[in-house]
Amino acid sequence: FKHIIIHPRPTVDLTWAKAEHQSPHGLIKTSWNIKNKKFTLDVTIPVNTTATVYILGKNITEGKSPTAKAKGVTFLRTEKNTSVFKVESGSYQFVSQDHQSN
């Protein structure tokens, strides 16, 4: 649980999900929803851990800032239509515009 992977897999029929897990390092929380082609992903990563976060879509922001300017967020790569980020411990809200479900 030192490194967590958050990889939501929305479909046409699945438009939201929410989960949390009490790990040895603290509470891991994630929730997401799709509304009007906008995908919103909230994650909380415990202290002294990191996460890889996968986000499908375009024009991704964290909070109200572009991900390139978000503290604790590092862009790693693109895999097909998915952007992959490394995040430090903390709470984040990612928003992807023009989201297309699989």
PDB file of N, CA and C in Angstrom:
ATOM      1  N   PHE A   1       0.797  -1.215   0.000  1.00  0.00           N
ATOM      2  CA  PHE A   1       0.000   0.000   0.000  1.00  0.00           C
ATOM      3  C   PHE A   1       0.836   1.274   0.000  1.00  0.00           C
ATOM      4  N   LYS A   2       2.124   1.177  -0.316  1.00  0.00           N
ATOM      5  CA  LYS A   2       2.949   2.381  -0.454  1.00  0.00           C
ATOM      6  C   LYS A   2       2.676   3.073  -1.789  1.00  0.00           C
ATOM      7  N   HIS A   3       2.230   2.297  -2.775  1.00  0.00           N
ATOM      8  CA  HIS A   3       1.868   2.872  -4.070  1.00  0.00           C
ATOM      9  C   HIS A   3       0.519   2.294  -4.490  1.00  0.00           C
ATOM     10  N   ILE A   4      -0.411   3.188  -4.797  1.00  0.00           N
ATOM     11  CA  ILE A   4      -1.798   2.822  -5.085  1.00  0.00           C
ATOM     12  C   ILE A   4      -2.063   3.094  -6.561  1.00  0.00           C
ATOM     13  N   ILE A   5      -2.883   2.260  -7.181  1.00  0.00           N
ATOM     14  CA  ILE A   5      -3.293   2.486  -8.568  1.00  0.00           C
ATOM     15  C   ILE A   5      -4.786   2.781  -8.581  1.00  0.00           C
ATOM     16  N   ILE A   6      -5.136   3.920  -9.148  1.00  0.00           N
ATOM     17  CA  ILE A   6      -6.536   4.333  -9.319  1.00  0.00           C
ATOM     18  C   ILE A   6      -6.796   4.314 -10.818  1.00  0.00           C
ATOM     19  N   HIS A   7      -7.636   3.381 -11.248  1.00  0.00           N
ATOM     20  CA  HIS A   7      -7.891   3.217 -12.683  1.00  0.00           C
ATOM     21  C   HIS A   7      -9.386   2.985 -12.914  1.00  0.00           C
ATOM     22  N   PRO A   8     -10.178   4.067 -12.910  1.00  0.00           N
ATOM     23  CA  PRO A   8     -11.618   3.928 -13.138  1.00  0.00           C
ATOM     24  C   PRO A   8     -11.900   3.361 -14.526  1.00  0.00           C
ATOM     25  N   ARG A   9     -12.947   2.553 -14.612  1.00  0.00           N
ATOM     26  CA  ARG A   9     -13.333   1.953 -15.897  1.00  0.00           C
ATOM     27  C   ARG A   9     -14.827   2.177 -16.154  1.00  0.00           C
ATOM     28  N   PRO A  10     -15.222   3.428 -16.399  1.00  0.00           N
ATOM     29  CA  PRO A  10     -16.641   3.699 -16.645  1.00  0.00           C
ATOM     30  C   PRO A  10     -17.117   3.066 -17.943  1.00  0.00           C
ATOM     31  N   THR A  11     -18.397   2.760 -17.988  1.00  0.00           N
ATOM     32  CA  THR A  11     -19.051   2.252 -19.191  1.00  0.00           C
ATOM     33  C   THR A  11     -20.312   3.066 -19.430  1.00  0.00           C
ATOM     34  N   VAL A  12     -20.987   2.786 -20.501  1.00  0.00           N
ATOM     35  CA  VAL A  12     -22.230   3.496 -20.804  1.00  0.00           C
ATOM     36  C   VAL A  12     -23.243   3.295 -19.676  1.00  0.00           C
ATOM     37  N   ASP A  13     -23.289   2.096 -19.097  1.00  0.00           N
ATOM     38  CA  ASP A  13     -24.262   1.789 -18.052  1.00  0.00           C
ATOM     39  C   ASP A  13     -23.791   2.133 -16.647  1.00  0.00           C
ATOM     40  N   LEU A  14     -22.496   2.346 -16.443  1.00  0.00           N
ATOM     41  CA  LEU A  14     -21.950   2.650 -15.124  1.00  0.00           C
ATOM     42  C   LEU A  14     -21.458   4.087 -15.122  1.00  0.00           C
ATOM     43  N   THR A  15     -22.208   4.984 -14.459  1.00  0.00           N
ATOM     44  CA  THR A  15     -21.901   6.412 -14.532  1.00  0.00           C
ATOM     45  C   THR A  15     -21.336   6.987 -13.240  1.00  0.00           C
ATOM     46  N   TRP A  16     -21.200   6.171 -12.194  1.00  0.00           N
ATOM     47  CA  TRP A  16     -20.570   6.651 -10.967  1.00  0.00           C
ATOM     48  C   TRP A  16     -20.113   5.457 -10.125  1.00  0.00           C
ATOM     49  N   ALA A  17     -19.162   5.724  -9.255  1.00  0.00           N
ATOM     50  CA  ALA A  17     -18.684   4.715  -8.306  1.00  0.00           C
ATOM     51  C   ALA A  17     -18.020   5.433  -7.138  1.00  0.00           C
ATOM     52  N   LYS A  18     -17.987   4.748  -5.997  1.00  0.00           N
ATOM     53  CA  LYS A  18     -17.378   5.315  -4.798  1.00  0.00           C
ATOM     54  C   LYS A  18     -16.817   4.171  -3.974  1.00  0.00           C
ATOM     55  N   ALA A  19     -15.590   4.336  -3.460  1.00  0.00           N
ATOM     56  CA  ALA A  19     -14.986   3.285  -2.635  1.00  0.00           C
ATOM     57  C   ALA A  19     -13.973   3.912  -1.688  1.00  0.00           C
ATOM     58  N   GLU A  20     -13.743   3.209  -0.585  1.00  0.00           N
ATOM     59  CA  GLU A  20     -12.672   3.600   0.321  1.00  0.00           C
ATOM     60  C   GLU A  20     -12.113   2.347   0.970  1.00  0.00           C
ATOM     61  N   HIS A  21     -10.850   2.452   1.389  1.00  0.00           N
ATOM     62  CA  HIS A  21     -10.171   1.312   2.005  1.00  0.00           C
ATOM     63  C   HIS A  21      -9.221   1.831   3.084  1.00  0.00           C
ATOM     64  N   GLN A  22      -9.301   1.242   4.262  1.00  0.00           N
ATOM     65  CA  GLN A  22      -8.390   1.604   5.344  1.00  0.00           C
ATOM     66  C   GLN A  22      -7.120   0.779   5.180  1.00  0.00           C
ATOM     67  N   SER A  23      -6.081   1.380   4.650  1.00  0.00           N
ATOM     68  CA  SER A  23      -4.806   0.693   4.428  1.00  0.00           C
ATOM     69  C   SER A  23      -3.930   0.862   5.674  1.00  0.00           C
ATOM     70  N   PRO A  24      -2.803   0.158   5.734  1.00  0.00           N
ATOM     71  CA  PRO A  24      -1.888   0.333   6.866  1.00  0.00           C
ATOM     72  C   PRO A  24      -1.340   1.772   6.974  1.00  0.00           C
ATOM     73  N   HIS A  25      -1.388   2.545   5.874  1.00  0.00           N
ATOM     74  CA  HIS A  25      -0.862   3.911   5.872  1.00  0.00           C
ATOM     75  C   HIS A  25      -1.940   4.965   6.038  1.00  0.00           C
ATOM     76  N   GLY A  26      -3.199   4.563   6.004  1.00  0.00           N
ATOM     77  CA  GLY A  26      -4.295   5.519   6.133  1.00  0.00           C
ATOM     78  C   GLY A  26      -5.397   5.226   5.137  1.00  0.00           C
ATOM     79  N   LEU A  27      -6.404   6.091   5.162  1.00  0.00           N
ATOM     80  CA  LEU A  27      -7.597   5.887   4.341  1.00  0.00           C
ATOM     81  C   LEU A  27      -7.347   6.271   2.886  1.00  0.00           C
ATOM     82  N   ILE A  28      -7.654   5.349   1.981  1.00  0.00           N
ATOM     83  CA  ILE A  28      -7.626   5.587   0.538  1.00  0.00           C
ATOM     84  C   ILE A  28      -9.079   5.790   0.122  1.00  0.00           C
ATOM     85  N   LYS A  29      -9.368   6.897  -0.552  1.00  0.00           N
ATOM     86  CA  LYS A  29     -10.738   7.167  -0.991  1.00  0.00           C
ATOM     87  C   LYS A  29     -10.734   7.536  -2.468  1.00  0.00           C
ATOM     88  N   THR A  30     -11.757   7.077  -3.156  1.00  0.00           N
ATOM     89  CA  THR A  30     -11.945   7.485  -4.540  1.00  0.00           C
ATOM     90  C   THR A  30     -13.431   7.478  -4.871  1.00  0.00           C
ATOM     91  N   SER A  31     -13.826   8.409  -5.690  1.00  0.00           N
ATOM     92  CA  SER A  31     -15.190   8.430  -6.223  1.00  0.00           C
ATOM     93  C   SER A  31     -15.135   9.129  -7.569  1.00  0.00           C
ATOM     94  N   TRP A  32     -16.040   8.738  -8.437  1.00  0.00           N
ATOM     95  CA  TRP A  32     -16.105   9.381  -9.741  1.00  0.00           C
ATOM     96  C   TRP A  32     -17.542   9.391 -10.240  1.00  0.00           C
ATOM     97  N   ASN A  33     -17.822  10.316 -11.181  1.00  0.00           N
ATOM     98  CA  ASN A  33     -19.123  10.353 -11.833  1.00  0.00           C
ATOM     99  C   ASN A  33     -18.973  10.980 -13.207  1.00  0.00           C
ATOM    100  N   ILE A  34     -19.940  10.679 -14.028  1.00  0.00           N
ATOM    101  CA  ILE A  34     -20.008  11.254 -15.372  1.00  0.00           C
ATOM    102  C   ILE A  34     -21.334  11.989 -15.477  1.00  0.00           C
ATOM    103  N   LYS A  35     -21.256  13.245 -15.878  1.00  0.00           N
ATOM    104  CA  LYS A  35     -22.469  14.036 -16.065  1.00  0.00           C
ATOM    105  C   LYS A  35     -22.223  15.001 -17.221  1.00  0.00           C
ATOM    106  N   ASN A  36     -23.095  14.972 -18.212  1.00  0.00           N
ATOM    107  CA  ASN A  36     -22.982  15.847 -19.385  1.00  0.00           C
ATOM    108  C   ASN A  36     -21.604  15.756 -20.045  1.00  0.00           C
ATOM    109  N   LYS A  37     -21.124  14.532 -20.239  1.00  0.00           N
ATOM    110  CA  LYS A  37     -19.827  14.245 -20.856  1.00  0.00           C
ATOM    111  C   LYS A  37     -18.641  14.776 -20.063  1.00  0.00           C
ATOM    112  N   LYS A  38     -18.861  15.142 -18.794  1.00  0.00           N
ATOM    113  CA  LYS A  38     -17.776  15.585 -17.927  1.00  0.00           C
ATOM    114  C   LYS A  38     -17.525  14.485 -16.891  1.00  0.00           C
ATOM    115  N   PHE A  39     -16.259  14.023 -16.827  1.00  0.00           N
ATOM    116  CA  PHE A  39     -15.844  12.983 -15.886  1.00  0.00           C
ATOM    117  C   PHE A  39     -15.136  13.661 -14.721  1.00  0.00           C
ATOM    118  N   THR A  40     -15.625  13.427 -13.505  1.00  0.00           N
ATOM    119  CA  THR A  40     -15.023  14.001 -12.305  1.00  0.00           C
ATOM    120  C   THR A  40     -14.537  12.867 -11.420  1.00  0.00           C
ATOM    121  N   LEU A  41     -13.258  12.921 -11.037  1.00  0.00           N
ATOM    122  CA  LEU A  41     -12.634  11.895 -10.206  1.00  0.00           C
ATOM    123  C   LEU A  41     -12.047  12.549  -8.968  1.00  0.00           C
ATOM    124  N   ASP A  42     -12.510  12.130  -7.790  1.00  0.00           N
ATOM    125  CA  ASP A  42     -11.955  12.589  -6.522  1.00  0.00           C
ATOM    126  C   ASP A  42     -11.129  11.459  -5.926  1.00  0.00           C
ATOM    127  N   VAL A  43      -9.918  11.762  -5.488  1.00  0.00           N
ATOM    128  CA  VAL A  43      -9.067  10.760  -4.846  1.00  0.00           C
ATOM    129  C   VAL A  43      -8.414  11.359  -3.609  1.00  0.00           C
ATOM    130  N   THR A  44      -8.244  10.512  -2.594  1.00  0.00           N
ATOM    131  CA  THR A  44      -7.481  10.866  -1.409  1.00  0.00           C
ATOM    132  C   THR A  44      -6.438   9.782  -1.208  1.00  0.00           C
ATOM    133  N   ILE A  45      -5.185  10.209  -1.161  1.00  0.00           N
ATOM    134  CA  ILE A  45      -4.045   9.300  -1.031  1.00  0.00           C
ATOM    135  C   ILE A  45      -3.391   9.568   0.328  1.00  0.00           C
ATOM    136  N   PRO A  46      -3.192   8.525   1.149  1.00  0.00           N
ATOM    137  CA  PRO A  46      -2.652   8.730   2.501  1.00  0.00           C
ATOM    138  C   PRO A  46      -1.219   9.264   2.521  1.00  0.00           C
ATOM    139  N   VAL A  47      -0.850   9.813   3.670  1.00  0.00           N
ATOM    140  CA  VAL A  47       0.501  10.330   3.904  1.00  0.00           C
ATOM    141  C   VAL A  47       1.530   9.221   3.683  1.00  0.00           C
ATOM    142  N   ASN A  48       2.676   9.593   3.145  1.00  0.00           N
ATOM    143  CA  ASN A  48       3.798   8.674   2.896  1.00  0.00           C
ATOM    144  C   ASN A  48       3.492   7.599   1.854  1.00  0.00           C
ATOM    145  N   THR A  49       2.539   7.882   0.962  1.00  0.00           N
ATOM    146  CA  THR A  49       2.250   6.982  -0.154  1.00  0.00           C
ATOM    147  C   THR A  49       2.127   7.818  -1.429  1.00  0.00           C
ATOM    148  N   THR A  50       2.129   7.140  -2.563  1.00  0.00           N
ATOM    149  CA  THR A  50       1.912   7.787  -3.852  1.00  0.00           C
ATOM    150  C   THR A  50       0.888   6.960  -4.618  1.00  0.00           C
ATOM    151  N   ALA A  51       0.434   7.498  -5.739  1.00  0.00           N
ATOM    152  CA  ALA A  51      -0.533   6.764  -6.558  1.00  0.00           C
ATOM    153  C   ALA A  51      -0.289   7.045  -8.031  1.00  0.00           C
ATOM    154  N   THR A  52      -0.669   6.087  -8.856  1.00  0.00           N
ATOM    155  CA  THR A  52      -0.777   6.285 -10.286  1.00  0.00           C
ATOM    156  C   THR A  52      -2.263   6.400 -10.585  1.00  0.00           C
ATOM    157  N   VAL A  53      -2.647   7.475 -11.261  1.00  0.00           N
ATOM    158  CA  VAL A  53      -4.053   7.755 -11.537  1.00  0.00           C
ATOM    159  C   VAL A  53      -4.255   7.800 -13.043  1.00  0.00           C
ATOM    160  N   TYR A  54      -5.215   7.029 -13.531  1.00  0.00           N
ATOM    161  CA  TYR A  54      -5.563   6.954 -14.951  1.00  0.00           C
ATOM    162  C   TYR A  54      -6.858   7.724 -15.166  1.00  0.00           C
ATOM    163  N   ILE A  55      -6.861   8.633 -16.167  1.00  0.00           N
ATOM    164  CA  ILE A  55      -8.050   9.437 -16.442  1.00  0.00           C
ATOM    165  C   ILE A  55      -8.313   9.431 -17.942  1.00  0.00           C
ATOM    166  N   LEU A  56      -9.490   8.948 -18.307  1.00  0.00           N
ATOM    167  CA  LEU A  56      -9.914   8.894 -19.703  1.00  0.00           C
ATOM    168  C   LEU A  56     -10.530  10.230 -20.077  1.00  0.00           C
ATOM    169  N   GLY A  57     -10.131  10.774 -21.218  1.00  0.00           N
ATOM    170  CA  GLY A  57     -10.751  12.001 -21.703  1.00  0.00           C
ATOM    171  C   GLY A  57      -9.736  13.057 -22.082  1.00  0.00           C
ATOM    172  N   LYS A  58     -10.247  14.261 -22.322  1.00  0.00           N
ATOM    173  CA  LYS A  58      -9.429  15.380 -22.783  1.00  0.00           C
ATOM    174  C   LYS A  58      -9.539  16.547 -21.813  1.00  0.00           C
ATOM    175  N   ASN A  59      -8.637  17.515 -22.001  1.00  0.00           N
ATOM    176  CA  ASN A  59      -8.692  18.765 -21.236  1.00  0.00           C
ATOM    177  C   ASN A  59      -8.844  18.505 -19.740  1.00  0.00           C
ATOM    178  N   ILE A  60      -7.882  17.812 -19.169  1.00  0.00           N
ATOM    179  CA  ILE A  60      -7.955  17.406 -17.769  1.00  0.00           C
ATOM    180  C   ILE A  60      -7.396  18.511 -16.877  1.00  0.00           C
ATOM    181  N   THR A  61      -8.146  18.809 -15.824  1.00  0.00           N
ATOM    182  CA  THR A  61      -7.704  19.767 -14.829  1.00  0.00           C
ATOM    183  C   THR A  61      -7.687  19.089 -13.464  1.00  0.00           C
ATOM    184  N   GLU A  62      -6.941  19.679 -12.535  1.00  0.00           N
ATOM    185  CA  GLU A  62      -6.986  19.251 -11.135  1.00  0.00           C
ATOM    186  C   GLU A  62      -7.390  20.482 -10.357  1.00  0.00           C
ATOM    187  N   GLY A  63      -8.506  20.376  -9.658  1.00  0.00           N
ATOM    188  CA  GLY A  63      -9.078  21.583  -9.059  1.00  0.00           C
ATOM    189  C   GLY A  63      -9.490  22.495 -10.195  1.00  0.00           C
ATOM    190  N   LYS A  64      -9.038  23.716 -10.162  1.00  0.00           N
ATOM    191  CA  LYS A  64      -9.357  24.655 -11.246  1.00  0.00           C
ATOM    192  C   LYS A  64      -8.141  24.953 -12.115  1.00  0.00           C
ATOM    193  N   SER A  65      -7.058  24.179 -11.895  1.00  0.00           N
ATOM    194  CA  SER A  65      -5.812  24.433 -12.619  1.00  0.00           C
ATOM    195  C   SER A  65      -5.518  23.337 -13.628  1.00  0.00           C
ATOM    196  N   PRO A  66      -4.778  23.664 -14.681  1.00  0.00           N
ATOM    197  CA  PRO A  66      -4.282  22.611 -15.570  1.00  0.00           C
ATOM    198  C   PRO A  66      -3.412  21.653 -14.757  1.00  0.00           C
ATOM    199  N   THR A  67      -3.415  20.393 -15.121  1.00  0.00           N
ATOM    200  CA  THR A  67      -2.638  19.412 -14.354  1.00  0.00           C
ATOM    201  C   THR A  67      -1.152  19.759 -14.327  1.00  0.00           C
ATOM    202  N   ALA A  68      -0.642  20.424 -15.348  1.00  0.00           N
ATOM    203  CA  ALA A  68       0.780  20.792 -15.385  1.00  0.00           C
ATOM    204  C   ALA A  68       1.142  21.762 -14.259  1.00  0.00           C
ATOM    205  N   LYS A  69       0.166  22.488 -13.730  1.00  0.00           N
ATOM    206  CA  LYS A  69       0.426  23.450 -12.657  1.00  0.00           C
ATOM    207  C   LYS A  69      -0.038  22.952 -11.290  1.00  0.00           C
ATOM    208  N   ALA A  70      -0.595  21.758 -11.226  1.00  0.00           N
ATOM    209  CA  ALA A  70      -1.143  21.243  -9.968  1.00  0.00           C
ATOM    210  C   ALA A  70      -0.030  20.713  -9.069  1.00  0.00           C
ATOM    211  N   LYS A  71      -0.034  21.149  -7.830  1.00  0.00           N
ATOM    212  CA  LYS A  71       0.962  20.702  -6.864  1.00  0.00           C
ATOM    213  C   LYS A  71       0.747  19.229  -6.535  1.00  0.00           C
ATOM    214  N   GLY A  72       1.817  18.440  -6.579  1.00  0.00           N
ATOM    215  CA  GLY A  72       1.746  17.023  -6.241  1.00  0.00           C
ATOM    216  C   GLY A  72       1.335  16.119  -7.382  1.00  0.00           C
ATOM    217  N   VAL A  73       1.137  16.692  -8.579  1.00  0.00           N
ATOM    218  CA  VAL A  73       0.679  15.932  -9.746  1.00  0.00           C
ATOM    219  C   VAL A  73       1.753  15.980 -10.830  1.00  0.00           C
ATOM    220  N   THR A  74       2.137  14.809 -11.341  1.00  0.00           N
ATOM    221  CA  THR A  74       3.131  14.724 -12.411  1.00  0.00           C
ATOM    222  C   THR A  74       2.561  13.889 -13.553  1.00  0.00           C
ATOM    223  N   PHE A  75       2.533  14.464 -14.753  1.00  0.00           N
ATOM    224  CA  PHE A  75       2.090  13.719 -15.928  1.00  0.00           C
ATOM    225  C   PHE A  75       3.156  12.680 -16.274  1.00  0.00           C
ATOM    226  N   LEU A  76       2.735  11.421 -16.464  1.00  0.00           N
ATOM    227  CA  LEU A  76       3.665  10.352 -16.807  1.00  0.00           C
ATOM    228  C   LEU A  76       3.635   9.995 -18.281  1.00  0.00           C
ATOM    229  N   ARG A  77       2.422   9.772 -18.821  1.00  0.00           N
ATOM    230  CA  ARG A  77       2.316   9.320 -20.206  1.00  0.00           C
ATOM    231  C   ARG A  77       0.848   9.302 -20.638  1.00  0.00           C
ATOM    232  N   THR A  78       0.659   9.021 -21.929  1.00  0.00           N
ATOM    233  CA  THR A  78      -0.673   8.805 -22.479  1.00  0.00           C
ATOM    234  C   THR A  78      -0.735   7.371 -22.975  1.00  0.00           C
ATOM    235  N   GLU A  79      -1.811   6.687 -22.662  1.00  0.00           N
ATOM    236  CA  GLU A  79      -2.075   5.332 -23.153  1.00  0.00           C
ATOM    237  C   GLU A  79      -3.420   5.369 -23.865  1.00  0.00           C
ATOM    238  N   LYS A  80      -3.394   5.309 -25.193  1.00  0.00           N
ATOM    239  CA  LYS A  80      -4.600   5.453 -26.018  1.00  0.00           C
ATOM    240  C   LYS A  80      -5.272   6.767 -25.648  1.00  0.00           C
ATOM    241  N   ASN A  81      -6.515   6.739 -25.146  1.00  0.00           N
ATOM    242  CA  ASN A  81      -7.236   7.969 -24.794  1.00  0.00           C
ATOM    243  C   ASN A  81      -7.155   8.281 -23.307  1.00  0.00           C
ATOM    244  N   THR A  82      -6.163   7.715 -22.616  1.00  0.00           N
ATOM    245  CA  THR A  82      -6.054   7.857 -21.172  1.00  0.00           C
ATOM    246  C   THR A  82      -4.765   8.563 -20.788  1.00  0.00           C
ATOM    247  N   SER A  83      -4.879   9.567 -19.925  1.00  0.00           N
ATOM    248  CA  SER A  83      -3.704  10.239 -19.376  1.00  0.00           C
ATOM    249  C   SER A  83      -3.357   9.583 -18.048  1.00  0.00           C
ATOM    250  N   VAL A  84      -2.065   9.396 -17.816  1.00  0.00           N
ATOM    251  CA  VAL A  84      -1.600   8.723 -16.609  1.00  0.00           C
ATOM    252  C   VAL A  84      -0.756   9.711 -15.809  1.00  0.00           C
ATOM    253  N   PHE A  85      -1.084   9.839 -14.515  1.00  0.00           N
ATOM    254  CA  PHE A  85      -0.413  10.781 -13.631  1.00  0.00           C
ATOM    255  C   PHE A  85       0.110  10.067 -12.393  1.00  0.00           C
ATOM    256  N   LYS A  86       1.203  10.588 -11.852  1.00  0.00           N
ATOM    257  CA  LYS A  86       1.669  10.187 -10.525  1.00  0.00           C
ATOM    258  C   LYS A  86       1.218  11.285  -9.577  1.00  0.00           C
ATOM    259  N   VAL A  87       0.638  10.904  -8.434  1.00  0.00           N
ATOM    260  CA  VAL A  87       0.237  11.896  -7.449  1.00  0.00           C
ATOM    261  C   VAL A  87       0.851  11.561  -6.097  1.00  0.00           C
ATOM    262  N   GLU A  88       1.185  12.603  -5.378  1.00  0.00           N
ATOM    263  CA  GLU A  88       1.706  12.481  -4.024  1.00  0.00           C
ATOM    264  C   GLU A  88       0.525  12.349  -3.068  1.00  0.00           C
ATOM    265  N   SER A  89       0.804  12.152  -1.784  1.00  0.00           N
ATOM    266  CA  SER A  89      -0.279  12.064  -0.810  1.00  0.00           C
ATOM    267  C   SER A  89      -1.062  13.378  -0.793  1.00  0.00           C
ATOM    268  N   GLY A  90      -2.360  13.260  -0.541  1.00  0.00           N
ATOM    269  CA  GLY A  90      -3.234  14.424  -0.516  1.00  0.00           C
ATOM    270  C   GLY A  90      -4.560  14.121  -1.167  1.00  0.00           C
ATOM    271  N   SER A  91      -5.388  15.152  -1.295  1.00  0.00           N
ATOM    272  CA  SER A  91      -6.699  15.021  -1.931  1.00  0.00           C
ATOM    273  C   SER A  91      -6.707  15.813  -3.227  1.00  0.00           C
ATOM    274  N   TYR A  92      -7.312  15.215  -4.249  1.00  0.00           N
ATOM    275  CA  TYR A  92      -7.324  15.805  -5.588  1.00  0.00           C
ATOM    276  C   TYR A  92      -8.703  15.641  -6.216  1.00  0.00           C
ATOM    277  N   GLN A  93      -9.040  16.584  -7.092  1.00  0.00           N
ATOM    278  CA  GLN A  93     -10.235  16.445  -7.918  1.00  0.00           C
ATOM    279  C   GLN A  93      -9.830  16.689  -9.367  1.00  0.00           C
ATOM    280  N   PHE A  94      -9.891  15.629 -10.150  1.00  0.00           N
ATOM    281  CA  PHE A  94      -9.574  15.711 -11.566  1.00  0.00           C
ATOM    282  C   PHE A  94     -10.888  15.810 -12.342  1.00  0.00           C
ATOM    283  N   VAL A  95     -10.885  16.646 -13.372  1.00  0.00           N
ATOM    284  CA  VAL A  95     -12.048  16.799 -14.238  1.00  0.00           C
ATOM    285  C   VAL A  95     -11.587  16.660 -15.680  1.00  0.00           C
ATOM    286  N   SER A  96     -12.276  15.806 -16.422  1.00  0.00           N
ATOM    287  CA  SER A  96     -11.984  15.585 -17.833  1.00  0.00           C
ATOM    288  C   SER A  96     -13.200  16.018 -18.646  1.00  0.00           C
ATOM    289  N   GLN A  97     -12.975  16.944 -19.569  1.00  0.00           N
ATOM    290  CA  GLN A  97     -14.047  17.420 -20.431  1.00  0.00           C
ATOM    291  C   GLN A  97     -14.213  16.470 -21.620  1.00  0.00           C
ATOM    292  N   ASP A  98     -15.370  16.452 -22.211  1.00  0.00           N
ATOM    293  CA  ASP A  98     -15.653  15.656 -23.417  1.00  0.00           C
ATOM    294  C   ASP A  98     -15.315  14.188 -23.227  1.00  0.00           C
ATOM    295  N   HIS A  99     -15.691  13.648 -22.096  1.00  0.00           N
ATOM    296  CA  HIS A  99     -15.411  12.251 -21.769  1.00  0.00           C
ATOM    297  C   HIS A  99     -16.245  11.323 -22.638  1.00  0.00           C
ATOM    298  N   GLN A 100     -15.627  10.268 -23.133  1.00  0.00           N
ATOM    299  CA  GLN A 100     -16.310   9.230 -23.901  1.00  0.00           C
ATOM    300  C   GLN A 100     -16.139   7.904 -23.190  1.00  0.00           C
ATOM    301  N   SER A 101     -17.224   7.296 -22.725  1.00  0.00           N
ATOM    302  CA  SER A 101     -17.152   6.006 -22.042  1.00  0.00           C
ATOM    303  C   SER A 101     -16.843   4.887 -23.017  1.00  0.00           C
ATOM    304  N   ASN A 102     -16.267   3.820 -22.493  1.00  0.00           N
ATOM    305  CA  ASN A 102     -15.991   2.633 -23.322  1.00  0.00           C
ATOM    306  C   ASN A 102     -17.246   1.836 -23.551  1.00  0.00           C
TER     307      ASN A 102
END
